[in-house]
PDB file of N, CA and C in Angstrom:
ATOM      1  N   MET A   1      99.540  91.396  -8.918  1.00  0.00           N
ATOM      2  CA  MET A   1     100.029  90.081  -9.553  1.00  0.00           C
ATOM      3  C   MET A   1     101.297  89.531  -8.770  1.00  0.00           C
ATOM      4  N   GLN A   2     101.976  90.383  -8.273  1.00  0.00           N
ATOM      5  CA  GLN A   2     103.273  89.950  -7.629  1.00  0.00           C
ATOM      6  C   GLN A   2     103.063  89.099  -6.387  1.00  0.00           C
ATOM      7  N   ILE A   3     101.865  89.633  -5.737  1.00  0.00           N
ATOM      8  CA  ILE A   3     101.418  88.878  -4.491  1.00  0.00           C
ATOM      9  C   ILE A   3     100.894  87.522  -4.763  1.00  0.00           C
ATOM     10  N   PHE A   4     100.195  87.467  -5.808  1.00  0.00           N
ATOM     11  CA  PHE A   4      99.646  86.085  -6.304  1.00  0.00           C
ATOM     12  C   PHE A   4     100.882  85.144  -6.636  1.00  0.00           C
ATOM     13  N   ARG A   5     101.803  85.558  -7.379  1.00  0.00           N
ATOM     14  CA  ARG A   5     103.123  84.803  -7.634  1.00  0.00           C
ATOM     15  C   ARG A   5     103.779  84.306  -6.497  1.00  0.00           C
ATOM     16  N   PHE A   6     103.832  85.330  -5.432  1.00  0.00           N
ATOM     17  CA  PHE A   6     104.489  84.832  -4.322  1.00  0.00           C
ATOM     18  C   PHE A   6     103.781  83.809  -3.560  1.00  0.00           C
ATOM     19  N   GLU A   7     102.376  84.005  -3.426  1.00  0.00           N
ATOM     20  CA  GLU A   7     101.538  82.978  -2.676  1.00  0.00           C
ATOM     21  C   GLU A   7     101.542  81.748  -3.493  1.00  0.00           C
ATOM     22  N   TRP A   8     101.503  81.663  -4.769  1.00  0.00           N
ATOM     23  CA  TRP A   8     101.468  80.485  -5.479  1.00  0.00           C
ATOM     24  C   TRP A   8     102.751  79.675  -5.327  1.00  0.00           C
ATOM     25  N   LYS A   9     103.857  80.357  -5.224  1.00  0.00           N
ATOM     26  CA  LYS A   9     105.180  79.690  -5.094  1.00  0.00           C
ATOM     27  C   LYS A   9     105.137  79.078  -3.703  1.00  0.00           C
ATOM     28  N   GLN A  10     104.535  79.745  -2.573  1.00  0.00           N
ATOM     29  CA  GLN A  10     104.499  79.287  -1.224  1.00  0.00           C
ATOM     30  C   GLN A  10     103.643  77.970  -1.085  1.00  0.00           C
ATOM     31  N   ALA A  11     102.562  78.010  -1.690  1.00  0.00           N
ATOM     32  CA  ALA A  11     101.539  77.060  -1.576  1.00  0.00           C
ATOM     33  C   ALA A  11     101.350  76.091  -2.692  1.00  0.00           C
ATOM     34  N   ARG A  12     102.095  76.093  -3.572  1.00  0.00           N
ATOM     35  CA  ARG A  12     102.110  75.224  -4.944  1.00  0.00           C
ATOM     36  C   ARG A  12     101.922  73.696  -4.551  1.00  0.00           C
ATOM     37  N   LYS A  13     102.792  73.369  -3.704  1.00  0.00           N
ATOM     38  CA  LYS A  13     102.733  71.816  -3.241  1.00  0.00           C
ATOM     39  C   LYS A  13     101.501  71.416  -2.873  1.00  0.00           C
ATOM     40  N   TYR A  14     100.925  72.228  -1.961  1.00  0.00           N
ATOM     41  CA  TYR A  14      99.639  71.923  -1.271  1.00  0.00           C
ATOM     42  C   TYR A  14      98.476  71.963  -2.156  1.00  0.00           C
ATOM     43  N   ILE A  15      98.570  73.061  -2.970  1.00  0.00           N
ATOM     44  CA  ILE A  15      97.465  73.101  -4.041  1.00  0.00           C
ATOM     45  C   ILE A  15      97.479  71.911  -5.062  1.00  0.00           C
ATOM     46  N   LEU A  16      98.449  71.468  -5.415  1.00  0.00           N
ATOM     47  CA  LEU A  16      98.678  70.397  -6.351  1.00  0.00           C
ATOM     48  C   LEU A  16      98.207  69.071  -5.662  1.00  0.00           C
ATOM     49  N   ILE A  17      98.679  68.883  -4.292  1.00  0.00           N
ATOM     50  CA  ILE A  17      98.171  67.735  -3.649  1.00  0.00           C
ATOM     51  C   ILE A  17      96.670  67.804  -3.502  1.00  0.00           C
ATOM     52  N   TRP A  18      96.162  68.689  -3.138  1.00  0.00           N
ATOM     53  CA  TRP A  18      94.628  68.799  -3.193  1.00  0.00           C
ATOM     54  C   TRP A  18      93.915  68.563  -4.263  1.00  0.00           C
ATOM     55  N   ALA A  19      94.417  69.162  -5.459  1.00  0.00           N
ATOM     56  CA  ALA A  19      94.064  68.866  -6.858  1.00  0.00           C
ATOM     57  C   ALA A  19      93.993  67.446  -7.187  1.00  0.00           C
ATOM     58  N   VAL A  20      95.110  66.784  -6.979  1.00  0.00           N
ATOM     59  CA  VAL A  20      95.372  65.342  -7.240  1.00  0.00           C
ATOM     60  C   VAL A  20      94.335  64.440  -6.413  1.00  0.00           C
ATOM     61  N   THR A  21      94.240  64.899  -5.074  1.00  0.00           N
ATOM     62  CA  THR A  21      93.296  64.092  -4.199  1.00  0.00           C
ATOM     63  C   THR A  21      91.818  64.205  -4.660  1.00  0.00           C
ATOM     64  N   LEU A  22      91.436  65.390  -4.958  1.00  0.00           N
ATOM     65  CA  LEU A  22      90.057  65.564  -5.564  1.00  0.00           C
ATOM     66  C   LEU A  22      89.788  64.969  -6.745  1.00  0.00           C
ATOM     67  N   ALA A  23      90.766  64.857  -7.607  1.00  0.00           N
ATOM     68  CA  ALA A  23      90.777  64.215  -8.965  1.00  0.00           C
ATOM     69  C   ALA A  23      90.468  62.646  -8.780  1.00  0.00           C
ATOM     70  N   VAL A  24      91.394  62.149  -7.810  1.00  0.00           N
ATOM     71  CA  VAL A  24      91.264  60.748  -7.504  1.00  0.00           C
ATOM     72  C   VAL A  24      89.883  60.364  -6.910  1.00  0.00           C
ATOM     73  N   CYS A  25      89.323  61.208  -6.018  1.00  0.00           N
ATOM     74  CA  CYS A  25      87.938  60.983  -5.504  1.00  0.00           C
ATOM     75  C   CYS A  25      86.934  61.027  -6.608  1.00  0.00           C
ATOM     76  N   ILE A  26      87.063  61.907  -7.361  1.00  0.00           N
ATOM     77  CA  ILE A  26      85.952  61.979  -8.378  1.00  0.00           C
ATOM     78  C   ILE A  26      86.029  60.857  -9.414  1.00  0.00           C
ATOM     79  N   PHE A  27      87.138  60.494  -9.836  1.00  0.00           N
ATOM     80  CA  PHE A  27      87.476  59.394 -10.678  1.00  0.00           C
ATOM     81  C   PHE A  27      87.005  57.967 -10.083  1.00  0.00           C
ATOM     82  N   SER A  28      87.244  57.912  -8.801  1.00  0.00           N
ATOM     83  CA  SER A  28      86.888  56.602  -8.020  1.00  0.00           C
ATOM     84  C   SER A  28      85.398  56.511  -7.812  1.00  0.00           C
ATOM     85  N   MET A  29      84.727  57.606  -7.848  1.00  0.00           N
ATOM     86  CA  MET A  29      83.250  57.523  -7.647  1.00  0.00           C
ATOM     87  C   MET A  29      82.429  57.500  -9.038  1.00  0.00           C
ATOM     88  N   THR A  30      83.099  57.643 -10.177  1.00  0.00           N
ATOM     89  CA  THR A  30      82.488  57.531 -11.370  1.00  0.00           C
ATOM     90  C   THR A  30      81.670  56.322 -11.562  1.00  0.00           C
ATOM     91  N   PRO A  31      82.200  55.131 -11.174  1.00  0.00           N
ATOM     92  CA  PRO A  31      81.350  53.892 -11.410  1.00  0.00           C
ATOM     93  C   PRO A  31      80.045  53.879 -10.555  1.00  0.00           C
ATOM     94  N   VAL A  32      80.149  54.620  -9.377  1.00  0.00           N
ATOM     95  CA  VAL A  32      78.828  54.626  -8.617  1.00  0.00           C
ATOM     96  C   VAL A  32      77.752  55.475  -9.436  1.00  0.00           C
ATOM     97  N   TYR A  33      78.281  56.589  -9.919  1.00  0.00           N
ATOM     98  CA  TYR A  33      77.291  57.463 -10.627  1.00  0.00           C
ATOM     99  C   TYR A  33      76.712  56.763 -11.808  1.00  0.00           C
ATOM    100  N   TYR A  34      77.537  55.928 -12.604  1.00  0.00           N
ATOM    101  CA  TYR A  34      77.049  55.158 -13.616  1.00  0.00           C
ATOM    102  C   TYR A  34      75.987  54.095 -13.216  1.00  0.00           C
ATOM    103  N   GLY A  35      76.434  53.543 -12.117  1.00  0.00           N
ATOM    104  CA  GLY A  35      75.334  52.517 -11.474  1.00  0.00           C
ATOM    105  C   GLY A  35      74.025  53.163 -11.048  1.00  0.00           C
ATOM    106  N   MET A  36      74.054  54.375 -10.638  1.00  0.00           N
ATOM    107  CA  MET A  36      72.877  55.044 -10.154  1.00  0.00           C
ATOM    108  C   MET A  36      72.022  55.431 -11.392  1.00  0.00           C
ATOM    109  N   VAL A  37      72.659  55.768 -12.504  1.00  0.00           N
ATOM    110  CA  VAL A  37      71.944  56.132 -13.701  1.00  0.00           C
ATOM    111  C   VAL A  37      71.230  54.866 -14.255  1.00  0.00           C
ATOM    112  N   GLU A  38      71.917  53.779 -14.329  1.00  0.00           N
ATOM    113  CA  GLU A  38      71.439  52.575 -14.744  1.00  0.00           C
ATOM    114  C   GLU A  38      70.291  52.029 -13.965  1.00  0.00           C
ATOM    115  N   ALA A  39      70.357  52.242 -12.637  1.00  0.00           N
ATOM    116  CA  ALA A  39      69.154  51.828 -11.694  1.00  0.00           C
ATOM    117  C   ALA A  39      68.048  52.766 -11.662  1.00  0.00           C
ATOM    118  N   ALA A  40      68.171  53.924 -12.274  1.00  0.00           N
ATOM    119  CA  ALA A  40      67.081  54.844 -12.358  1.00  0.00           C
ATOM    120  C   ALA A  40      65.848  54.302 -12.925  1.00  0.00           C
ATOM    121  N   GLY A  41      65.989  53.465 -14.048  1.00  0.00           N
ATOM    122  CA  GLY A  41      64.961  52.953 -14.883  1.00  0.00           C
ATOM    123  C   GLY A  41      64.094  51.812 -13.926  1.00  0.00           C
ATOM    124  N   THR A  42      64.768  51.239 -13.082  1.00  0.00           N
ATOM    125  CA  THR A  42      64.096  50.088 -12.406  1.00  0.00           C
ATOM    126  C   THR A  42      63.588  50.498 -11.000  1.00  0.00           C
ATOM    127  N   LEU A  43      63.625  51.812 -10.709  1.00  0.00           N
ATOM    128  CA  LEU A  43      62.989  52.216  -9.366  1.00  0.00           C
ATOM    129  C   LEU A  43      61.588  52.093  -9.256  1.00  0.00           C
ATOM    130  N   PRO A  44      60.698  52.495 -10.268  1.00  0.00           N
ATOM    131  CA  PRO A  44      59.180  52.210 -10.070  1.00  0.00           C
ATOM    132  C   PRO A  44      58.897  50.767  -9.921  1.00  0.00           C
ATOM    133  N   THR A  45      59.597  49.916 -10.550  1.00  0.00           N
ATOM    134  CA  THR A  45      59.227  48.401 -10.420  1.00  0.00           C
ATOM    135  C   THR A  45      59.711  47.971  -8.953  1.00  0.00           C
ATOM    136  N   GLY A  46      60.861  48.525  -8.582  1.00  0.00           N
ATOM    137  CA  GLY A  46      61.410  48.099  -7.334  1.00  0.00           C
ATOM    138  C   GLY A  46      60.543  48.534  -6.147  1.00  0.00           C
ATOM    139  N   PHE A  47      59.887  49.781  -6.308  1.00  0.00           N
ATOM    140  CA  PHE A  47      59.083  50.268  -5.229  1.00  0.00           C
ATOM    141  C   PHE A  47      57.765  49.580  -5.253  1.00  0.00           C
ATOM    142  N   ALA A  48      57.215  49.064  -6.405  1.00  0.00           N
ATOM    143  CA  ALA A  48      55.953  48.354  -6.333  1.00  0.00           C
ATOM    144  C   ALA A  48      56.208  47.008  -5.811  1.00  0.00           C
ATOM    145  N   GLN A  49      57.167  46.419  -5.878  1.00  0.00           N
ATOM    146  CA  GLN A  49      57.575  45.055  -5.296  1.00  0.00           C
ATOM    147  C   GLN A  49      57.842  45.134  -3.863  1.00  0.00           C
ATOM    148  N   GLY A  50      58.232  46.272  -3.413  1.00  0.00           N
ATOM    149  CA  GLY A  50      58.751  46.388  -1.954  1.00  0.00           C
ATOM    150  C   GLY A  50      57.630  46.463  -1.122  1.00  0.00           C
ATOM    151  N   GLY A  51      57.954  46.600   0.240  1.00  0.00           N
ATOM    152  CA  GLY A  51      56.834  46.690   1.194  1.00  0.00           C
ATOM    153  C   GLY A  51      56.626  48.146   1.546  1.00  0.00           C
ATOM    154  N   PHE A  52      56.924  49.195   0.745  1.00  0.00           N
ATOM    155  CA  PHE A  52      56.653  50.524   1.120  1.00  0.00           C
ATOM    156  C   PHE A  52      55.300  50.971   0.934  1.00  0.00           C
ATOM    157  N   PHE A  53      54.426  50.341   0.005  1.00  0.00           N
ATOM    158  CA  PHE A  53      53.099  50.712  -0.401  1.00  0.00           C
ATOM    159  C   PHE A  53      52.167  49.621  -0.051  1.00  0.00           C
TER     160      PHE A  53
END
């Protein structure tokens, strides 16, 4: 436990920076995920009208 506390004190700033950066990335991508969920219902009609088949 003593080693963990020492390492946490040494790297606390970098761990918090990475955590905040990842949180910002996840929250900024949330609208994209919602758009993908909404577009999932229109995929069969989109493929039928396209030039794939």
